[in-house]
Amino acid sequence: MGLTGEMTVEVTEENCINFADGGMPAVLATPWLVAYLEFVARDALSVCLDENERSVGAVVEIEHLAPSPIGSRVTCCARVIHVDGPTITFQIEAHDEIEPIAKGIHKRRVVEIGRFARRVAKKSAQR
C-alpha cells in the first residue's frame, strides 16, 4: 500500500468539451479527466505486476470540482489505499496551477492476460 503515481497533462483543444450552444469557454472534458486518472493508476500499478498480468479499470467515482481552461497544466495523482486480493483501490485527485479540480476513488482489478483473452474470444464468438 502507499504506491503512488503522478502525471501532468496540458489542456488543449483536443481534450476539451466544446459547448456547441456557444457562450461557454472550452475546458478540460470530464471523460478525458477520468481517462488521465485511470492512466496514472494503471501506470503506477504496472511496476508490481507479473509479466503475464495487467490491470483493468473496475470502478471510478469522481467529483469534477472545477474547470481547467485551455493552456492549463493538470496534475493527476493516484495512491493505493486498499488491496483486497486482485482488487486495488486508489485515492485519485487532480489539480491545475490554481486549485484542486477532481477527487475520488478508482478500483482496478489485476487479471491474467491469457485468461482475459480467452474470455474476450469466447464472448466475441457468441455474437
N, C-alpha and C. Protein backbone atom coordinates (compact mmCIF):
# COMPACT_ATOMS: atom_id res chain seq x y z
N MET A 1 0.84 -1.18 0.00
CA MET A 1 0.00 0.00 0.00
C MET A 1 0.88 1.24 0.00
N GLY A 2 0.27 2.35 -0.39
CA GLY A 2 1.01 3.59 -0.45
C GLY A 2 1.66 3.85 -1.79
N LEU A 3 1.61 2.87 -2.71
CA LEU A 3 2.15 3.05 -4.05
C LEU A 3 1.48 4.26 -4.69
N THR A 4 2.27 5.11 -5.35
CA THR A 4 1.72 6.33 -5.94
C THR A 4 2.13 6.49 -7.40
N GLY A 5 1.38 7.30 -8.09
CA GLY A 5 1.71 7.68 -9.45
C GLY A 5 1.27 9.11 -9.69
N GLU A 6 1.92 9.74 -10.65
CA GLU A 6 1.59 11.14 -10.97
C GLU A 6 1.91 11.39 -12.42
N MET A 7 1.08 12.19 -13.08
CA MET A 7 1.34 12.63 -14.44
C MET A 7 0.74 14.02 -14.62
N THR A 8 1.34 14.79 -15.49
CA THR A 8 0.84 16.13 -15.80
C THR A 8 0.51 16.20 -17.27
N VAL A 9 -0.65 16.75 -17.57
CA VAL A 9 -1.10 16.92 -18.95
C VAL A 9 -1.49 18.37 -19.19
N GLU A 10 -1.38 18.77 -20.42
CA GLU A 10 -1.80 20.12 -20.79
C GLU A 10 -3.20 20.07 -21.38
N VAL A 11 -4.01 21.04 -20.99
CA VAL A 11 -5.35 21.14 -21.56
C VAL A 11 -5.23 21.78 -22.93
N THR A 12 -5.71 21.06 -23.94
CA THR A 12 -5.65 21.53 -25.32
C THR A 12 -7.05 21.45 -25.93
N GLU A 13 -7.18 21.93 -27.12
CA GLU A 13 -8.46 21.86 -27.82
C GLU A 13 -8.94 20.41 -27.95
N GLU A 14 -7.99 19.48 -28.10
CA GLU A 14 -8.34 18.07 -28.31
C GLU A 14 -8.94 17.40 -27.09
N ASN A 15 -8.64 17.85 -25.87
CA ASN A 15 -9.20 17.18 -24.70
C ASN A 15 -10.22 18.06 -23.96
N CYS A 16 -10.78 19.03 -24.68
CA CYS A 16 -11.79 19.93 -24.11
C CYS A 16 -13.19 19.57 -24.58
N ILE A 17 -14.13 19.95 -23.74
CA ILE A 17 -15.53 19.90 -24.15
C ILE A 17 -15.79 21.14 -25.01
N ASN A 18 -16.50 20.93 -26.08
CA ASN A 18 -16.86 22.05 -26.95
C ASN A 18 -18.35 22.29 -26.77
N PHE A 19 -18.69 23.34 -26.07
CA PHE A 19 -20.09 23.66 -25.84
C PHE A 19 -20.69 24.20 -27.13
N ALA A 20 -21.43 23.36 -27.81
CA ALA A 20 -21.98 23.70 -29.13
C ALA A 20 -22.96 24.86 -29.07
N ASP A 21 -23.57 25.10 -27.91
CA ASP A 21 -24.57 26.17 -27.82
C ASP A 21 -23.93 27.55 -27.70
N GLY A 22 -22.61 27.61 -27.63
CA GLY A 22 -21.90 28.90 -27.60
C GLY A 22 -21.96 29.58 -26.26
N GLY A 23 -21.06 30.52 -26.09
CA GLY A 23 -21.03 31.31 -24.87
C GLY A 23 -20.23 30.71 -23.73
N MET A 24 -20.00 29.41 -23.77
CA MET A 24 -19.24 28.76 -22.70
C MET A 24 -17.80 28.56 -23.15
N PRO A 25 -16.82 28.81 -22.28
CA PRO A 25 -15.42 28.60 -22.66
C PRO A 25 -15.06 27.12 -22.73
N ALA A 26 -14.08 26.80 -23.52
CA ALA A 26 -13.59 25.43 -23.63
C ALA A 26 -12.80 25.09 -22.37
N VAL A 27 -13.11 23.93 -21.77
CA VAL A 27 -12.44 23.45 -20.57
C VAL A 27 -12.19 21.95 -20.70
N LEU A 28 -11.29 21.43 -19.86
CA LEU A 28 -11.00 20.01 -19.85
C LEU A 28 -12.29 19.21 -19.67
N ALA A 29 -12.52 18.27 -20.57
CA ALA A 29 -13.73 17.45 -20.53
C ALA A 29 -13.60 16.37 -19.45
N THR A 30 -14.69 16.11 -18.77
CA THR A 30 -14.70 15.10 -17.71
C THR A 30 -14.25 13.73 -18.21
N PRO A 31 -14.70 13.25 -19.38
CA PRO A 31 -14.21 11.93 -19.82
C PRO A 31 -12.68 11.86 -19.97
N TRP A 32 -12.07 12.94 -20.45
CA TRP A 32 -10.61 12.97 -20.55
C TRP A 32 -9.98 12.96 -19.17
N LEU A 33 -10.54 13.72 -18.24
CA LEU A 33 -10.01 13.75 -16.88
C LEU A 33 -10.06 12.36 -16.26
N VAL A 34 -11.18 11.67 -16.41
CA VAL A 34 -11.31 10.31 -15.89
C VAL A 34 -10.26 9.40 -16.52
N ALA A 35 -10.08 9.52 -17.84
CA ALA A 35 -9.08 8.69 -18.53
C ALA A 35 -7.68 8.95 -17.97
N TYR A 36 -7.32 10.20 -17.78
CA TYR A 36 -5.98 10.51 -17.25
C TYR A 36 -5.80 9.94 -15.84
N LEU A 37 -6.83 10.02 -15.02
CA LEU A 37 -6.74 9.47 -13.67
C LEU A 37 -6.62 7.94 -13.71
N GLU A 38 -7.32 7.30 -14.63
CA GLU A 38 -7.16 5.85 -14.79
C GLU A 38 -5.76 5.51 -15.27
N PHE A 39 -5.25 6.27 -16.24
CA PHE A 39 -3.91 6.01 -16.78
C PHE A 39 -2.85 6.09 -15.68
N VAL A 40 -2.94 7.09 -14.82
CA VAL A 40 -1.91 7.26 -13.80
C VAL A 40 -1.97 6.11 -12.78
N ALA A 41 -3.16 5.65 -12.45
CA ALA A 41 -3.28 4.50 -11.55
C ALA A 41 -2.76 3.23 -12.22
N ARG A 42 -3.13 3.03 -13.47
CA ARG A 42 -2.66 1.85 -14.22
C ARG A 42 -1.14 1.82 -14.29
N ASP A 43 -0.55 2.95 -14.64
CA ASP A 43 0.90 3.02 -14.77
C ASP A 43 1.60 2.80 -13.43
N ALA A 44 1.05 3.34 -12.35
CA ALA A 44 1.65 3.14 -11.02
C ALA A 44 1.63 1.66 -10.65
N LEU A 45 0.54 0.99 -10.94
CA LEU A 45 0.39 -0.42 -10.57
C LEU A 45 1.22 -1.35 -11.45
N SER A 46 1.49 -0.94 -12.66
CA SER A 46 2.17 -1.83 -13.63
C SER A 46 3.53 -2.32 -13.14
N VAL A 47 4.22 -1.55 -12.33
CA VAL A 47 5.54 -1.97 -11.85
C VAL A 47 5.46 -3.16 -10.89
N CYS A 48 4.28 -3.44 -10.35
CA CYS A 48 4.11 -4.53 -9.38
C CYS A 48 3.57 -5.81 -10.02
N LEU A 49 3.21 -5.76 -11.28
CA LEU A 49 2.56 -6.90 -11.91
C LEU A 49 3.56 -7.88 -12.50
N ASP A 50 3.18 -9.15 -12.51
CA ASP A 50 3.98 -10.16 -13.19
C ASP A 50 3.86 -9.94 -14.70
N GLU A 51 4.76 -10.56 -15.44
CA GLU A 51 4.80 -10.40 -16.89
C GLU A 51 3.48 -10.80 -17.56
N ASN A 52 2.77 -11.76 -16.99
CA ASN A 52 1.53 -12.25 -17.58
C ASN A 52 0.28 -11.59 -16.99
N GLU A 53 0.46 -10.47 -16.29
CA GLU A 53 -0.66 -9.76 -15.67
C GLU A 53 -0.79 -8.33 -16.18
N ARG A 54 -2.00 -7.85 -16.16
CA ARG A 54 -2.31 -6.44 -16.43
C ARG A 54 -3.42 -6.04 -15.46
N SER A 55 -3.73 -4.75 -15.42
CA SER A 55 -4.86 -4.31 -14.60
C SER A 55 -5.90 -3.66 -15.50
N VAL A 56 -7.15 -3.83 -15.10
CA VAL A 56 -8.27 -3.23 -15.84
C VAL A 56 -9.08 -2.39 -14.87
N GLY A 57 -9.65 -1.32 -15.38
CA GLY A 57 -10.49 -0.46 -14.56
C GLY A 57 -11.77 -1.18 -14.17
N ALA A 58 -12.19 -1.01 -12.91
CA ALA A 58 -13.41 -1.66 -12.43
C ALA A 58 -14.43 -0.65 -11.90
N VAL A 59 -13.96 0.38 -11.20
CA VAL A 59 -14.85 1.37 -10.61
C VAL A 59 -14.18 2.74 -10.69
N VAL A 60 -14.96 3.75 -11.04
CA VAL A 60 -14.48 5.13 -10.97
C VAL A 60 -15.58 5.96 -10.31
N GLU A 61 -15.24 6.58 -9.19
CA GLU A 61 -16.14 7.52 -8.52
C GLU A 61 -15.38 8.83 -8.42
N ILE A 62 -15.85 9.85 -9.12
CA ILE A 62 -15.10 11.10 -9.19
C ILE A 62 -16.03 12.30 -9.03
N GLU A 63 -15.51 13.30 -8.35
CA GLU A 63 -16.16 14.61 -8.32
C GLU A 63 -15.29 15.55 -9.16
N HIS A 64 -15.87 16.08 -10.22
CA HIS A 64 -15.15 17.07 -11.03
C HIS A 64 -15.51 18.42 -10.42
N LEU A 65 -14.55 19.02 -9.71
CA LEU A 65 -14.81 20.16 -8.83
C LEU A 65 -14.68 21.53 -9.49
N ALA A 66 -13.82 21.64 -10.51
CA ALA A 66 -13.54 22.97 -11.06
C ALA A 66 -13.09 22.83 -12.52
N PRO A 67 -13.34 23.88 -13.32
CA PRO A 67 -12.92 23.86 -14.72
C PRO A 67 -11.44 24.18 -14.87
N SER A 68 -10.85 23.63 -15.93
CA SER A 68 -9.46 23.96 -16.30
C SER A 68 -9.46 24.37 -17.77
N PRO A 69 -9.17 25.64 -18.05
CA PRO A 69 -9.22 26.13 -19.43
C PRO A 69 -8.01 25.70 -20.26
N ILE A 70 -8.12 25.88 -21.56
CA ILE A 70 -7.02 25.57 -22.47
C ILE A 70 -5.75 26.28 -21.98
N GLY A 71 -4.65 25.56 -22.02
CA GLY A 71 -3.36 26.08 -21.56
C GLY A 71 -3.03 25.69 -20.13
N SER A 72 -4.03 25.24 -19.38
CA SER A 72 -3.77 24.80 -18.00
C SER A 72 -2.93 23.53 -18.02
N ARG A 73 -2.15 23.36 -16.96
CA ARG A 73 -1.41 22.11 -16.75
C ARG A 73 -2.08 21.40 -15.58
N VAL A 74 -2.58 20.21 -15.85
CA VAL A 74 -3.32 19.45 -14.86
C VAL A 74 -2.46 18.28 -14.39
N THR A 75 -2.26 18.20 -13.09
CA THR A 75 -1.51 17.10 -12.49
C THR A 75 -2.50 16.11 -11.89
N CYS A 76 -2.38 14.86 -12.32
CA CYS A 76 -3.24 13.78 -11.85
C CYS A 76 -2.42 12.86 -10.95
N CYS A 77 -2.99 12.50 -9.81
CA CYS A 77 -2.29 11.67 -8.83
C CYS A 77 -3.16 10.50 -8.42
N ALA A 78 -2.50 9.37 -8.16
CA ALA A 78 -3.20 8.18 -7.67
C ALA A 78 -2.35 7.56 -6.56
N ARG A 79 -3.01 7.11 -5.50
CA ARG A 79 -2.31 6.48 -4.38
C ARG A 79 -3.10 5.26 -3.92
N VAL A 80 -2.43 4.13 -3.82
CA VAL A 80 -3.09 2.91 -3.34
C VAL A 80 -3.50 3.10 -1.88
N ILE A 81 -4.78 2.83 -1.60
CA ILE A 81 -5.26 2.94 -0.22
C ILE A 81 -5.80 1.62 0.32
N HIS A 82 -6.00 0.63 -0.58
CA HIS A 82 -6.52 -0.66 -0.10
C HIS A 82 -6.24 -1.74 -1.14
N VAL A 83 -5.91 -2.92 -0.65
CA VAL A 83 -5.72 -4.08 -1.52
C VAL A 83 -6.59 -5.20 -0.98
N ASP A 84 -7.42 -5.76 -1.86
CA ASP A 84 -8.29 -6.88 -1.49
C ASP A 84 -8.16 -7.93 -2.58
N GLY A 85 -7.19 -8.83 -2.41
CA GLY A 85 -6.93 -9.82 -3.45
C GLY A 85 -6.52 -9.12 -4.74
N PRO A 86 -7.23 -9.42 -5.84
CA PRO A 86 -6.86 -8.81 -7.12
C PRO A 86 -7.41 -7.40 -7.32
N THR A 87 -8.16 -6.88 -6.34
CA THR A 87 -8.76 -5.55 -6.47
C THR A 87 -7.94 -4.53 -5.69
N ILE A 88 -7.47 -3.51 -6.42
CA ILE A 88 -6.63 -2.47 -5.83
C ILE A 88 -7.42 -1.17 -5.85
N THR A 89 -7.54 -0.52 -4.69
CA THR A 89 -8.28 0.74 -4.59
C THR A 89 -7.31 1.90 -4.47
N PHE A 90 -7.55 2.90 -5.31
CA PHE A 90 -6.73 4.11 -5.34
C PHE A 90 -7.53 5.32 -4.88
N GLN A 91 -6.90 6.22 -4.16
CA GLN A 91 -7.41 7.57 -3.99
C GLN A 91 -6.88 8.34 -5.18
N ILE A 92 -7.76 9.02 -5.91
CA ILE A 92 -7.33 9.79 -7.07
C ILE A 92 -7.67 11.26 -6.88
N GLU A 93 -6.84 12.11 -7.45
CA GLU A 93 -7.09 13.55 -7.39
C GLU A 93 -6.36 14.24 -8.51
N ALA A 94 -6.84 15.41 -8.83
CA ALA A 94 -6.20 16.22 -9.87
C ALA A 94 -6.28 17.69 -9.47
N HIS A 95 -5.27 18.42 -9.89
CA HIS A 95 -5.28 19.87 -9.65
C HIS A 95 -4.60 20.56 -10.83
N ASP A 96 -5.00 21.80 -11.07
CA ASP A 96 -4.28 22.61 -12.04
C ASP A 96 -3.40 23.58 -11.27
N GLU A 97 -2.90 24.60 -11.93
CA GLU A 97 -1.98 25.52 -11.25
C GLU A 97 -2.66 26.36 -10.18
N ILE A 98 -3.99 26.38 -10.19
CA ILE A 98 -4.75 27.27 -9.31
C ILE A 98 -5.40 26.55 -8.14
N GLU A 99 -6.01 25.37 -8.42
CA GLU A 99 -6.85 24.75 -7.41
C GLU A 99 -7.06 23.25 -7.68
N PRO A 100 -7.58 22.53 -6.67
CA PRO A 100 -7.99 21.14 -6.92
C PRO A 100 -9.13 21.12 -7.93
N ILE A 101 -9.08 20.17 -8.86
CA ILE A 101 -10.16 20.10 -9.85
C ILE A 101 -10.93 18.78 -9.80
N ALA A 102 -10.39 17.76 -9.11
CA ALA A 102 -11.10 16.49 -9.02
C ALA A 102 -10.59 15.69 -7.84
N LYS A 103 -11.48 14.83 -7.31
CA LYS A 103 -11.10 13.88 -6.27
C LYS A 103 -12.03 12.70 -6.35
N GLY A 104 -11.53 11.54 -5.89
CA GLY A 104 -12.38 10.38 -5.91
C GLY A 104 -11.65 9.09 -5.61
N ILE A 105 -12.30 8.00 -6.00
CA ILE A 105 -11.81 6.64 -5.78
C ILE A 105 -11.80 5.91 -7.11
N HIS A 106 -10.78 5.10 -7.31
CA HIS A 106 -10.69 4.27 -8.53
C HIS A 106 -10.24 2.88 -8.11
N LYS A 107 -10.95 1.86 -8.60
CA LYS A 107 -10.57 0.48 -8.33
C LYS A 107 -10.13 -0.18 -9.63
N ARG A 108 -9.02 -0.92 -9.53
CA ARG A 108 -8.51 -1.69 -10.66
C ARG A 108 -8.45 -3.15 -10.25
N ARG A 109 -8.62 -4.01 -11.22
CA ARG A 109 -8.58 -5.45 -10.97
C ARG A 109 -7.41 -6.03 -11.75
N VAL A 110 -6.58 -6.81 -11.07
CA VAL A 110 -5.46 -7.47 -11.72
C VAL A 110 -6.00 -8.72 -12.41
N VAL A 111 -5.66 -8.86 -13.70
CA VAL A 111 -6.11 -10.01 -14.49
C VAL A 111 -4.91 -10.70 -15.12
N GLU A 112 -5.09 -11.99 -15.36
CA GLU A 112 -4.08 -12.76 -16.08
C GLU A 112 -4.41 -12.62 -17.57
N ILE A 113 -3.42 -12.23 -18.37
CA ILE A 113 -3.64 -11.89 -19.77
C ILE A 113 -4.29 -13.03 -20.55
N GLY A 114 -3.79 -14.25 -20.42
CA GLY A 114 -4.33 -15.39 -21.17
C GLY A 114 -5.79 -15.66 -20.83
N ARG A 115 -6.10 -15.67 -19.57
CA ARG A 115 -7.49 -15.91 -19.13
C ARG A 115 -8.40 -14.80 -19.64
N PHE A 116 -7.97 -13.57 -19.55
CA PHE A 116 -8.75 -12.44 -20.02
C PHE A 116 -8.99 -12.55 -21.53
N ALA A 117 -7.94 -12.89 -22.27
CA ALA A 117 -8.05 -13.02 -23.73
C ALA A 117 -9.03 -14.14 -24.10
N ARG A 118 -8.99 -15.26 -23.37
CA ARG A 118 -9.93 -16.35 -23.64
C ARG A 118 -11.36 -15.92 -23.38
N ARG A 119 -11.58 -15.16 -22.35
CA ARG A 119 -12.92 -14.65 -22.03
C ARG A 119 -13.44 -13.73 -23.13
N VAL A 120 -12.56 -12.86 -23.62
CA VAL A 120 -12.94 -11.96 -24.72
C VAL A 120 -13.24 -12.76 -25.99
N ALA A 121 -12.40 -13.75 -26.30
CA ALA A 121 -12.61 -14.57 -27.50
C ALA A 121 -13.93 -15.33 -27.42
N LYS A 122 -14.24 -15.87 -26.25
CA LYS A 122 -15.50 -16.60 -26.06
C LYS A 122 -16.69 -15.68 -26.29
N LYS A 123 -16.62 -14.49 -25.75
CA LYS A 123 -17.72 -13.53 -25.91
C LYS A 123 -17.84 -13.09 -27.36
N SER A 124 -16.72 -12.87 -28.03
CA SER A 124 -16.74 -12.47 -29.44
C SER A 124 -17.38 -13.56 -30.30
N ALA A 125 -17.10 -14.80 -29.97
CA ALA A 125 -17.64 -15.93 -30.73
C ALA A 125 -19.15 -16.08 -30.55
N GLN A 126 -19.68 -15.56 -29.47
CA GLN A 126 -21.11 -15.66 -29.18
C GLN A 126 -21.94 -14.62 -29.91
N ARG A 127 -21.29 -13.67 -30.54
CA ARG A 127 -22.04 -12.60 -31.22
C ARG A 127 -22.49 -13.04 -32.58
